Amino acid sequence: MTQITLVQGDITEQRVDVVVNAANSSLLGGGGVDGAIHRGGGPEILAECRELRASHYGEGLPTGRAVATTAGRLPARWVVHTVGPVYRAEDHRERAELLASCYRESLRVAAGLGARTVAFPAISAGIFGWPLEDAARIALEAVAAEAPDLDEVRFVLFGADAYAAFERVRSEIEGLTG
C-alpha cells in the first residue's frame, strides 16, 4: 500500500524518484514551482522540454496531461511536468476533473518510469488561484484512488497555510474512511 505523507518544505530539495512540476503549458519555465524546478534542475530540464515542444507538444502540454524529463541537478531522478487548470468557480466541476487528471496522469507517467517515490506540489493552488482546501481534497482523493504500487507519494507544501489545509483535509478523509 502506498504511503501518503505531507511535508512543509521545498520540492526542489526532495530526494525522490520523481518530482512533479506544476508547469505552464509552454514547458519552458515560469514562476512558482515551475521556475524553482527549472532553476534548481539547470539547463538539462529546459533542453528536454524544448525537445518535447519541437517533437510532440508544439502547441504546449494540454491541461491535465503529464510528461517526463530528466531532473538535471535536482536530487530526484526525473521531473514529471503537468499543467493544472486555472481556477474558475463558474466551471468548477470540469476544472476539478482536469486537476484530478494532473495527479492521475503524473502517477501513470511515474509508474511507467519505474518510480517508487513521487513528490507533488499543491498543483494549481498558487498563482492559478485554486482554493487550498478544495485543491487539497482533489489531490488527496485522486492520489488515494489512483496510486499505483508505489512506496510513497509525498505532498511537499510551501508554507504553513498549504500544509495546514492538506492536514485538515487528510484528517477529514481519514475520518470518513476509518
N, C-alpha and C. Protein backbone atom coordinates (compact mmCIF):
# COMPACT_ATOMS: atom_id res chain seq x y z
N MET A 1 0.84 -1.18 0.00
CA MET A 1 0.00 0.00 0.00
C MET A 1 0.89 1.25 0.00
N THR A 2 0.52 2.21 -0.80
CA THR A 2 1.29 3.43 -0.93
C THR A 2 1.11 4.31 0.30
N GLN A 3 2.22 4.77 0.85
CA GLN A 3 2.19 5.69 1.97
C GLN A 3 2.04 7.11 1.43
N ILE A 4 1.07 7.85 1.95
CA ILE A 4 0.87 9.25 1.56
C ILE A 4 1.33 10.11 2.72
N THR A 5 2.33 10.97 2.46
CA THR A 5 2.87 11.82 3.51
C THR A 5 2.76 13.28 3.11
N LEU A 6 2.75 14.13 4.12
CA LEU A 6 2.72 15.57 3.94
C LEU A 6 3.95 16.16 4.59
N VAL A 7 4.63 17.05 3.90
CA VAL A 7 5.76 17.78 4.49
C VAL A 7 5.66 19.24 4.06
N GLN A 8 6.11 20.11 4.93
CA GLN A 8 6.23 21.52 4.57
C GLN A 8 7.67 21.73 4.15
N GLY A 9 7.87 22.27 2.95
CA GLY A 9 9.24 22.45 2.52
C GLY A 9 9.36 22.86 1.07
N ASP A 10 10.55 22.60 0.54
CA ASP A 10 10.93 22.99 -0.81
C ASP A 10 10.98 21.74 -1.68
N ILE A 11 10.15 21.67 -2.69
CA ILE A 11 10.07 20.48 -3.53
C ILE A 11 11.38 20.21 -4.27
N THR A 12 12.17 21.24 -4.51
CA THR A 12 13.43 21.04 -5.23
C THR A 12 14.49 20.36 -4.39
N GLU A 13 14.24 20.17 -3.10
CA GLU A 13 15.20 19.51 -2.21
C GLU A 13 14.82 18.07 -1.89
N GLN A 14 13.78 17.56 -2.49
CA GLN A 14 13.27 16.23 -2.16
C GLN A 14 14.07 15.14 -2.86
N ARG A 15 14.53 14.17 -2.06
CA ARG A 15 15.26 13.01 -2.59
C ARG A 15 14.23 11.92 -2.86
N VAL A 16 13.70 11.95 -4.07
CA VAL A 16 12.67 11.01 -4.51
C VAL A 16 12.99 10.61 -5.94
N ASP A 17 12.29 9.62 -6.44
CA ASP A 17 12.47 9.24 -7.84
C ASP A 17 11.91 10.31 -8.77
N VAL A 18 10.70 10.80 -8.46
CA VAL A 18 10.04 11.78 -9.33
C VAL A 18 9.60 12.99 -8.52
N VAL A 19 9.93 14.16 -9.03
CA VAL A 19 9.37 15.42 -8.55
C VAL A 19 8.39 15.87 -9.62
N VAL A 20 7.17 16.20 -9.20
CA VAL A 20 6.17 16.68 -10.14
C VAL A 20 6.25 18.20 -10.19
N ASN A 21 6.26 18.71 -11.40
CA ASN A 21 6.32 20.14 -11.66
C ASN A 21 4.94 20.65 -12.04
N ALA A 22 4.47 21.65 -11.31
CA ALA A 22 3.24 22.35 -11.69
C ALA A 22 3.64 23.32 -12.79
N ALA A 23 3.69 22.82 -14.01
CA ALA A 23 4.25 23.54 -15.16
C ALA A 23 3.22 24.45 -15.82
N ASN A 24 3.72 25.36 -16.64
CA ASN A 24 2.81 26.06 -17.53
C ASN A 24 2.84 25.31 -18.86
N SER A 25 1.87 25.55 -19.70
CA SER A 25 1.73 24.73 -20.90
C SER A 25 2.91 24.84 -21.86
N SER A 26 3.67 25.91 -21.78
CA SER A 26 4.81 26.06 -22.69
C SER A 26 5.93 25.09 -22.38
N LEU A 27 5.98 24.57 -21.15
CA LEU A 27 7.04 23.69 -20.66
C LEU A 27 8.40 24.40 -20.57
N LEU A 28 8.42 25.70 -20.72
CA LEU A 28 9.69 26.41 -20.81
C LEU A 28 10.03 27.20 -19.54
N GLY A 29 9.43 26.82 -18.43
CA GLY A 29 9.71 27.50 -17.17
C GLY A 29 8.71 28.61 -16.93
N GLY A 30 8.74 29.15 -15.74
CA GLY A 30 7.81 30.20 -15.36
C GLY A 30 8.08 30.61 -13.94
N GLY A 31 7.02 30.94 -13.22
CA GLY A 31 7.15 31.34 -11.83
C GLY A 31 6.82 30.20 -10.89
N GLY A 32 6.81 30.46 -9.61
CA GLY A 32 6.42 29.50 -8.59
C GLY A 32 7.22 28.21 -8.66
N VAL A 33 6.52 27.08 -8.50
CA VAL A 33 7.16 25.76 -8.52
C VAL A 33 7.89 25.54 -9.85
N ASP A 34 7.27 25.92 -10.94
CA ASP A 34 7.85 25.73 -12.27
C ASP A 34 9.21 26.42 -12.37
N GLY A 35 9.28 27.66 -11.98
CA GLY A 35 10.53 28.40 -12.03
C GLY A 35 11.58 27.80 -11.11
N ALA A 36 11.16 27.40 -9.91
CA ALA A 36 12.10 26.83 -8.94
C ALA A 36 12.69 25.51 -9.46
N ILE A 37 11.87 24.68 -10.08
CA ILE A 37 12.35 23.40 -10.62
C ILE A 37 13.31 23.64 -11.78
N HIS A 38 12.98 24.55 -12.67
CA HIS A 38 13.87 24.85 -13.79
C HIS A 38 15.19 25.44 -13.29
N ARG A 39 15.13 26.35 -12.32
CA ARG A 39 16.37 26.95 -11.77
C ARG A 39 17.20 25.89 -11.07
N GLY A 40 16.56 25.08 -10.22
CA GLY A 40 17.28 24.07 -9.45
C GLY A 40 17.84 22.94 -10.30
N GLY A 41 17.09 22.55 -11.32
CA GLY A 41 17.50 21.43 -12.16
C GLY A 41 18.51 21.79 -13.23
N GLY A 42 18.54 23.06 -13.59
CA GLY A 42 19.52 23.51 -14.56
C GLY A 42 19.07 23.35 -15.99
N PRO A 43 19.99 23.60 -16.92
CA PRO A 43 19.65 23.67 -18.34
C PRO A 43 19.23 22.34 -18.96
N GLU A 44 19.54 21.23 -18.34
CA GLU A 44 19.15 19.93 -18.91
C GLU A 44 17.64 19.78 -19.00
N ILE A 45 16.94 20.27 -17.97
CA ILE A 45 15.46 20.18 -17.98
C ILE A 45 14.90 21.02 -19.12
N LEU A 46 15.36 22.25 -19.23
CA LEU A 46 14.88 23.14 -20.28
C LEU A 46 15.18 22.56 -21.67
N ALA A 47 16.36 21.97 -21.83
CA ALA A 47 16.72 21.38 -23.13
C ALA A 47 15.74 20.26 -23.51
N GLU A 48 15.41 19.39 -22.56
CA GLU A 48 14.46 18.31 -22.85
C GLU A 48 13.06 18.85 -23.09
N CYS A 49 12.68 19.88 -22.35
CA CYS A 49 11.37 20.50 -22.57
C CYS A 49 11.29 21.11 -23.97
N ARG A 50 12.36 21.72 -24.42
CA ARG A 50 12.38 22.28 -25.78
C ARG A 50 12.24 21.17 -26.82
N GLU A 51 12.89 20.03 -26.57
CA GLU A 51 12.75 18.89 -27.49
C GLU A 51 11.30 18.40 -27.54
N LEU A 52 10.67 18.33 -26.38
CA LEU A 52 9.26 17.91 -26.33
C LEU A 52 8.37 18.88 -27.10
N ARG A 53 8.63 20.17 -26.95
CA ARG A 53 7.85 21.16 -27.68
C ARG A 53 8.06 21.01 -29.18
N ALA A 54 9.28 20.74 -29.59
CA ALA A 54 9.59 20.61 -31.01
C ALA A 54 9.02 19.33 -31.61
N SER A 55 8.92 18.27 -30.82
CA SER A 55 8.52 16.98 -31.38
C SER A 55 7.06 16.62 -31.14
N HIS A 56 6.57 16.75 -29.92
CA HIS A 56 5.22 16.25 -29.61
C HIS A 56 4.23 17.32 -29.15
N TYR A 57 4.73 18.39 -28.60
CA TYR A 57 3.84 19.37 -27.97
C TYR A 57 4.07 20.77 -28.51
N GLY A 58 3.98 20.91 -29.83
CA GLY A 58 4.19 22.19 -30.48
C GLY A 58 3.23 23.27 -29.99
N GLU A 59 2.03 22.85 -29.61
CA GLU A 59 1.04 23.79 -29.08
C GLU A 59 1.13 23.91 -27.56
N GLY A 60 2.06 23.19 -26.95
CA GLY A 60 2.18 23.17 -25.49
C GLY A 60 1.54 21.92 -24.92
N LEU A 61 1.85 21.64 -23.68
CA LEU A 61 1.28 20.48 -22.99
C LEU A 61 -0.15 20.80 -22.57
N PRO A 62 -1.12 19.98 -22.95
CA PRO A 62 -2.51 20.25 -22.58
C PRO A 62 -2.74 20.15 -21.06
N THR A 63 -3.66 20.93 -20.56
CA THR A 63 -4.04 20.89 -19.15
C THR A 63 -4.50 19.48 -18.79
N GLY A 64 -4.01 19.00 -17.64
CA GLY A 64 -4.39 17.68 -17.15
C GLY A 64 -3.51 16.54 -17.63
N ARG A 65 -2.60 16.81 -18.56
CA ARG A 65 -1.69 15.79 -19.08
C ARG A 65 -0.36 15.87 -18.35
N ALA A 66 0.52 14.89 -18.56
CA ALA A 66 1.82 14.86 -17.90
C ALA A 66 2.86 14.26 -18.82
N VAL A 67 4.10 14.71 -18.66
CA VAL A 67 5.22 14.23 -19.46
C VAL A 67 6.49 14.32 -18.60
N ALA A 68 7.44 13.42 -18.86
CA ALA A 68 8.65 13.34 -18.03
C ALA A 68 9.88 13.87 -18.75
N THR A 69 10.79 14.42 -17.94
CA THR A 69 12.13 14.78 -18.40
C THR A 69 13.13 14.36 -17.32
N THR A 70 14.38 14.56 -17.62
CA THR A 70 15.42 14.39 -16.62
C THR A 70 15.16 15.36 -15.45
N ALA A 71 15.80 15.12 -14.33
CA ALA A 71 15.72 16.05 -13.21
C ALA A 71 16.95 16.95 -13.15
N GLY A 72 17.88 16.78 -14.10
CA GLY A 72 19.06 17.63 -14.11
C GLY A 72 19.81 17.55 -12.80
N ARG A 73 20.02 18.70 -12.17
CA ARG A 73 20.79 18.76 -10.92
C ARG A 73 19.94 18.60 -9.67
N LEU A 74 18.65 18.34 -9.82
CA LEU A 74 17.81 18.09 -8.64
C LEU A 74 18.16 16.74 -8.04
N PRO A 75 17.88 16.52 -6.75
CA PRO A 75 18.19 15.23 -6.13
C PRO A 75 17.18 14.13 -6.48
N ALA A 76 16.35 14.35 -7.47
CA ALA A 76 15.40 13.35 -7.96
C ALA A 76 15.96 12.73 -9.23
N ARG A 77 15.33 11.67 -9.71
CA ARG A 77 15.76 11.05 -10.97
C ARG A 77 15.08 11.69 -12.18
N TRP A 78 13.80 12.02 -12.02
CA TRP A 78 13.02 12.57 -13.12
C TRP A 78 12.14 13.72 -12.62
N VAL A 79 11.73 14.55 -13.56
CA VAL A 79 10.68 15.54 -13.31
C VAL A 79 9.51 15.16 -14.21
N VAL A 80 8.34 15.07 -13.61
CA VAL A 80 7.11 14.88 -14.39
C VAL A 80 6.41 16.23 -14.39
N HIS A 81 6.22 16.78 -15.57
CA HIS A 81 5.59 18.08 -15.75
C HIS A 81 4.10 17.87 -16.02
N THR A 82 3.27 18.63 -15.32
CA THR A 82 1.83 18.59 -15.55
C THR A 82 1.28 20.00 -15.49
N VAL A 83 0.26 20.26 -16.27
CA VAL A 83 -0.33 21.60 -16.34
C VAL A 83 -1.68 21.58 -15.65
N GLY A 84 -1.76 22.29 -14.53
CA GLY A 84 -3.02 22.39 -13.81
C GLY A 84 -3.93 23.45 -14.40
N PRO A 85 -5.22 23.35 -14.10
CA PRO A 85 -6.17 24.35 -14.59
C PRO A 85 -6.15 25.60 -13.73
N VAL A 86 -6.46 26.73 -14.34
CA VAL A 86 -6.69 27.96 -13.61
C VAL A 86 -8.07 27.85 -12.97
N TYR A 87 -8.19 28.26 -11.71
CA TYR A 87 -9.47 28.16 -11.00
C TYR A 87 -10.49 29.15 -11.54
N ARG A 88 -11.69 28.65 -11.81
CA ARG A 88 -12.84 29.48 -12.14
C ARG A 88 -14.07 28.81 -11.53
N ALA A 89 -14.74 29.50 -10.63
CA ALA A 89 -15.88 28.92 -9.93
C ALA A 89 -17.01 28.52 -10.87
N GLU A 90 -17.18 29.27 -11.97
CA GLU A 90 -18.33 29.01 -12.84
C GLU A 90 -18.26 27.68 -13.57
N ASP A 91 -17.07 27.10 -13.74
CA ASP A 91 -16.99 25.76 -14.34
C ASP A 91 -16.11 24.85 -13.48
N HIS A 92 -16.39 24.91 -12.19
CA HIS A 92 -15.60 24.18 -11.20
C HIS A 92 -15.54 22.68 -11.48
N ARG A 93 -16.66 22.07 -11.80
CA ARG A 93 -16.69 20.61 -11.97
C ARG A 93 -15.74 20.14 -13.07
N GLU A 94 -15.78 20.79 -14.22
CA GLU A 94 -14.90 20.40 -15.32
C GLU A 94 -13.44 20.65 -14.97
N ARG A 95 -13.17 21.78 -14.33
CA ARG A 95 -11.80 22.12 -13.96
C ARG A 95 -11.29 21.22 -12.83
N ALA A 96 -12.17 20.84 -11.92
CA ALA A 96 -11.77 19.92 -10.85
C ALA A 96 -11.36 18.57 -11.44
N GLU A 97 -12.06 18.13 -12.48
CA GLU A 97 -11.69 16.88 -13.15
C GLU A 97 -10.33 17.02 -13.82
N LEU A 98 -10.04 18.18 -14.42
CA LEU A 98 -8.71 18.41 -15.01
C LEU A 98 -7.63 18.40 -13.94
N LEU A 99 -7.92 18.98 -12.78
CA LEU A 99 -6.94 18.98 -11.69
C LEU A 99 -6.69 17.56 -11.20
N ALA A 100 -7.73 16.79 -11.02
CA ALA A 100 -7.55 15.38 -10.62
C ALA A 100 -6.74 14.62 -11.66
N SER A 101 -6.99 14.93 -12.94
CA SER A 101 -6.26 14.29 -14.03
C SER A 101 -4.76 14.58 -13.93
N CYS A 102 -4.38 15.77 -13.48
CA CYS A 102 -2.95 16.08 -13.30
C CYS A 102 -2.29 15.06 -12.38
N TYR A 103 -2.95 14.73 -11.29
CA TYR A 103 -2.40 13.77 -10.33
C TYR A 103 -2.40 12.35 -10.91
N ARG A 104 -3.52 11.95 -11.52
CA ARG A 104 -3.59 10.61 -12.10
C ARG A 104 -2.56 10.42 -13.21
N GLU A 105 -2.48 11.38 -14.12
CA GLU A 105 -1.54 11.27 -15.24
C GLU A 105 -0.09 11.30 -14.76
N SER A 106 0.21 12.13 -13.77
CA SER A 106 1.57 12.18 -13.22
C SER A 106 1.94 10.84 -12.59
N LEU A 107 1.01 10.23 -11.87
CA LEU A 107 1.27 8.91 -11.27
C LEU A 107 1.46 7.85 -12.35
N ARG A 108 0.67 7.94 -13.41
CA ARG A 108 0.80 6.98 -14.51
C ARG A 108 2.17 7.11 -15.16
N VAL A 109 2.62 8.32 -15.44
CA VAL A 109 3.93 8.53 -16.05
C VAL A 109 5.03 8.06 -15.09
N ALA A 110 4.91 8.39 -13.81
CA ALA A 110 5.91 7.98 -12.82
C ALA A 110 6.01 6.46 -12.75
N ALA A 111 4.87 5.78 -12.72
CA ALA A 111 4.88 4.32 -12.68
C ALA A 111 5.52 3.74 -13.93
N GLY A 112 5.26 4.36 -15.08
CA GLY A 112 5.87 3.91 -16.32
C GLY A 112 7.38 4.04 -16.34
N LEU A 113 7.90 4.98 -15.56
CA LEU A 113 9.35 5.16 -15.43
C LEU A 113 9.97 4.17 -14.44
N GLY A 114 9.13 3.49 -13.67
CA GLY A 114 9.63 2.59 -12.63
C GLY A 114 9.86 3.29 -11.31
N ALA A 115 9.29 4.47 -11.12
CA ALA A 115 9.47 5.23 -9.88
C ALA A 115 8.82 4.52 -8.70
N ARG A 116 9.41 4.67 -7.54
CA ARG A 116 8.85 4.13 -6.30
C ARG A 116 8.39 5.25 -5.36
N THR A 117 8.97 6.46 -5.54
CA THR A 117 8.64 7.60 -4.69
C THR A 117 8.37 8.82 -5.57
N VAL A 118 7.29 9.55 -5.23
CA VAL A 118 6.86 10.71 -6.01
C VAL A 118 6.56 11.86 -5.06
N ALA A 119 7.04 13.06 -5.40
CA ALA A 119 6.74 14.26 -4.62
C ALA A 119 5.91 15.22 -5.47
N PHE A 120 4.76 15.62 -4.92
CA PHE A 120 3.86 16.55 -5.59
C PHE A 120 3.84 17.89 -4.87
N PRO A 121 3.70 18.98 -5.63
CA PRO A 121 3.33 20.25 -5.02
C PRO A 121 1.80 20.31 -4.96
N ALA A 122 1.27 21.40 -4.44
CA ALA A 122 -0.18 21.64 -4.47
C ALA A 122 -0.49 22.27 -5.83
N ILE A 123 -0.77 21.43 -6.81
CA ILE A 123 -0.98 21.89 -8.20
C ILE A 123 -2.17 22.85 -8.27
N SER A 124 -1.98 23.94 -8.96
CA SER A 124 -2.98 24.98 -9.21
C SER A 124 -3.34 25.82 -7.99
N ALA A 125 -2.73 25.56 -6.83
CA ALA A 125 -3.10 26.27 -5.60
C ALA A 125 -2.30 27.56 -5.39
N GLY A 126 -1.40 27.87 -6.30
CA GLY A 126 -0.64 29.11 -6.19
C GLY A 126 -1.24 30.17 -7.08
N ILE A 127 -0.47 30.57 -8.07
CA ILE A 127 -0.88 31.66 -8.96
C ILE A 127 -2.13 31.31 -9.78
N PHE A 128 -2.43 30.01 -9.93
CA PHE A 128 -3.63 29.61 -10.67
C PHE A 128 -4.90 29.74 -9.84
N GLY A 129 -4.76 30.12 -8.56
CA GLY A 129 -5.87 30.57 -7.74
C GLY A 129 -6.80 29.54 -7.14
N TRP A 130 -6.43 28.25 -7.17
CA TRP A 130 -7.34 27.24 -6.64
C TRP A 130 -7.39 27.36 -5.11
N PRO A 131 -8.59 27.41 -4.52
CA PRO A 131 -8.70 27.47 -3.05
C PRO A 131 -8.00 26.26 -2.42
N LEU A 132 -7.20 26.51 -1.40
CA LEU A 132 -6.34 25.48 -0.83
C LEU A 132 -7.07 24.22 -0.39
N GLU A 133 -8.15 24.36 0.35
CA GLU A 133 -8.83 23.16 0.88
C GLU A 133 -9.43 22.33 -0.25
N ASP A 134 -9.98 22.99 -1.25
CA ASP A 134 -10.54 22.27 -2.40
C ASP A 134 -9.42 21.59 -3.19
N ALA A 135 -8.32 22.30 -3.39
CA ALA A 135 -7.16 21.71 -4.09
C ALA A 135 -6.64 20.51 -3.32
N ALA A 136 -6.59 20.61 -2.00
CA ALA A 136 -6.11 19.50 -1.16
C ALA A 136 -7.04 18.29 -1.29
N ARG A 137 -8.33 18.53 -1.24
CA ARG A 137 -9.30 17.42 -1.34
C ARG A 137 -9.16 16.71 -2.68
N ILE A 138 -9.11 17.47 -3.75
CA ILE A 138 -8.98 16.87 -5.09
C ILE A 138 -7.68 16.08 -5.18
N ALA A 139 -6.58 16.65 -4.70
CA ALA A 139 -5.27 15.99 -4.76
C ALA A 139 -5.26 14.71 -3.95
N LEU A 140 -5.66 14.78 -2.71
CA LEU A 140 -5.60 13.61 -1.82
C LEU A 140 -6.55 12.50 -2.29
N GLU A 141 -7.74 12.87 -2.73
CA GLU A 141 -8.67 11.85 -3.20
C GLU A 141 -8.18 11.20 -4.50
N ALA A 142 -7.63 12.00 -5.41
CA ALA A 142 -7.13 11.45 -6.67
C ALA A 142 -5.98 10.48 -6.42
N VAL A 143 -5.05 10.88 -5.56
CA VAL A 143 -3.89 10.02 -5.28
C VAL A 143 -4.33 8.75 -4.55
N ALA A 144 -5.21 8.88 -3.57
CA ALA A 144 -5.67 7.70 -2.82
C ALA A 144 -6.39 6.71 -3.73
N ALA A 145 -7.15 7.23 -4.70
CA ALA A 145 -7.91 6.36 -5.60
C ALA A 145 -7.05 5.75 -6.69
N GLU A 146 -6.00 6.45 -7.10
CA GLU A 146 -5.27 6.04 -8.29
C GLU A 146 -3.85 5.57 -8.05
N ALA A 147 -3.33 5.73 -6.84
CA ALA A 147 -1.91 5.46 -6.61
C ALA A 147 -1.55 4.04 -7.03
N PRO A 148 -0.63 3.93 -7.98
CA PRO A 148 -0.14 2.60 -8.32
C PRO A 148 0.69 2.07 -7.16
N ASP A 149 1.29 0.96 -7.33
CA ASP A 149 2.06 0.33 -6.26
C ASP A 149 3.38 1.09 -6.06
N LEU A 150 3.30 2.19 -5.31
CA LEU A 150 4.47 2.99 -5.01
C LEU A 150 4.80 2.85 -3.53
N ASP A 151 6.02 3.17 -3.17
CA ASP A 151 6.38 3.18 -1.75
C ASP A 151 5.82 4.41 -1.06
N GLU A 152 5.92 5.58 -1.73
CA GLU A 152 5.48 6.81 -1.10
C GLU A 152 5.05 7.84 -2.14
N VAL A 153 3.95 8.53 -1.83
CA VAL A 153 3.57 9.76 -2.51
C VAL A 153 3.63 10.84 -1.44
N ARG A 154 4.47 11.82 -1.70
CA ARG A 154 4.73 12.89 -0.74
C ARG A 154 4.19 14.20 -1.30
N PHE A 155 3.37 14.88 -0.51
CA PHE A 155 2.94 16.22 -0.87
C PHE A 155 3.88 17.19 -0.17
N VAL A 156 4.59 17.97 -0.97
CA VAL A 156 5.55 18.94 -0.44
C VAL A 156 4.90 20.31 -0.56
N LEU A 157 4.57 20.86 0.58
CA LEU A 157 3.72 22.04 0.63
C LEU A 157 4.54 23.25 1.07
N PHE A 158 4.44 24.29 0.28
CA PHE A 158 5.21 25.50 0.51
C PHE A 158 4.39 26.42 1.40
N GLY A 159 4.78 26.52 2.65
CA GLY A 159 4.11 27.42 3.57
C GLY A 159 3.17 26.70 4.52
N ALA A 160 2.99 27.34 5.68
CA ALA A 160 2.17 26.76 6.75
C ALA A 160 0.71 26.66 6.36
N ASP A 161 0.19 27.62 5.59
CA ASP A 161 -1.23 27.58 5.21
C ASP A 161 -1.53 26.37 4.34
N ALA A 162 -0.69 26.11 3.37
CA ALA A 162 -0.91 24.95 2.49
C ALA A 162 -0.79 23.66 3.28
N TYR A 163 0.21 23.56 4.14
CA TYR A 163 0.37 22.35 4.94
C TYR A 163 -0.86 22.13 5.83
N ALA A 164 -1.31 23.18 6.48
CA ALA A 164 -2.47 23.06 7.37
C ALA A 164 -3.72 22.64 6.61
N ALA A 165 -3.92 23.20 5.42
CA ALA A 165 -5.10 22.83 4.62
C ALA A 165 -5.05 21.35 4.24
N PHE A 166 -3.90 20.87 3.78
CA PHE A 166 -3.77 19.46 3.41
C PHE A 166 -3.95 18.56 4.64
N GLU A 167 -3.41 18.96 5.78
CA GLU A 167 -3.55 18.17 7.01
C GLU A 167 -5.02 18.09 7.43
N ARG A 168 -5.74 19.21 7.38
CA ARG A 168 -7.17 19.22 7.74
C ARG A 168 -7.96 18.29 6.83
N VAL A 169 -7.74 18.41 5.53
CA VAL A 169 -8.48 17.59 4.57
C VAL A 169 -8.13 16.12 4.74
N ARG A 170 -6.85 15.81 4.93
CA ARG A 170 -6.47 14.42 5.13
C ARG A 170 -7.15 13.84 6.37
N SER A 171 -7.21 14.61 7.46
CA SER A 171 -7.89 14.15 8.68
C SER A 171 -9.37 13.92 8.43
N GLU A 172 -10.01 14.80 7.66
CA GLU A 172 -11.44 14.63 7.33
C GLU A 172 -11.64 13.35 6.52
N ILE A 173 -10.82 13.15 5.51
CA ILE A 173 -10.95 11.97 4.65
C ILE A 173 -10.73 10.70 5.45
N GLU A 174 -9.69 10.69 6.28
CA GLU A 174 -9.43 9.50 7.11
C GLU A 174 -10.55 9.26 8.08
N GLY A 175 -11.17 10.33 8.59
CA GLY A 175 -12.31 10.20 9.50
C GLY A 175 -13.51 9.57 8.82
N LEU A 176 -13.67 9.85 7.52
CA LEU A 176 -14.79 9.27 6.78
C LEU A 176 -14.55 7.82 6.42
N THR A 177 -13.28 7.44 6.21
CA THR A 177 -12.99 6.08 5.77
C THR A 177 -12.53 5.18 6.90
N GLY A 178 -12.12 5.76 8.02
CA GLY A 178 -11.50 4.95 9.08
C GLY A 178 -12.41 4.49 10.10
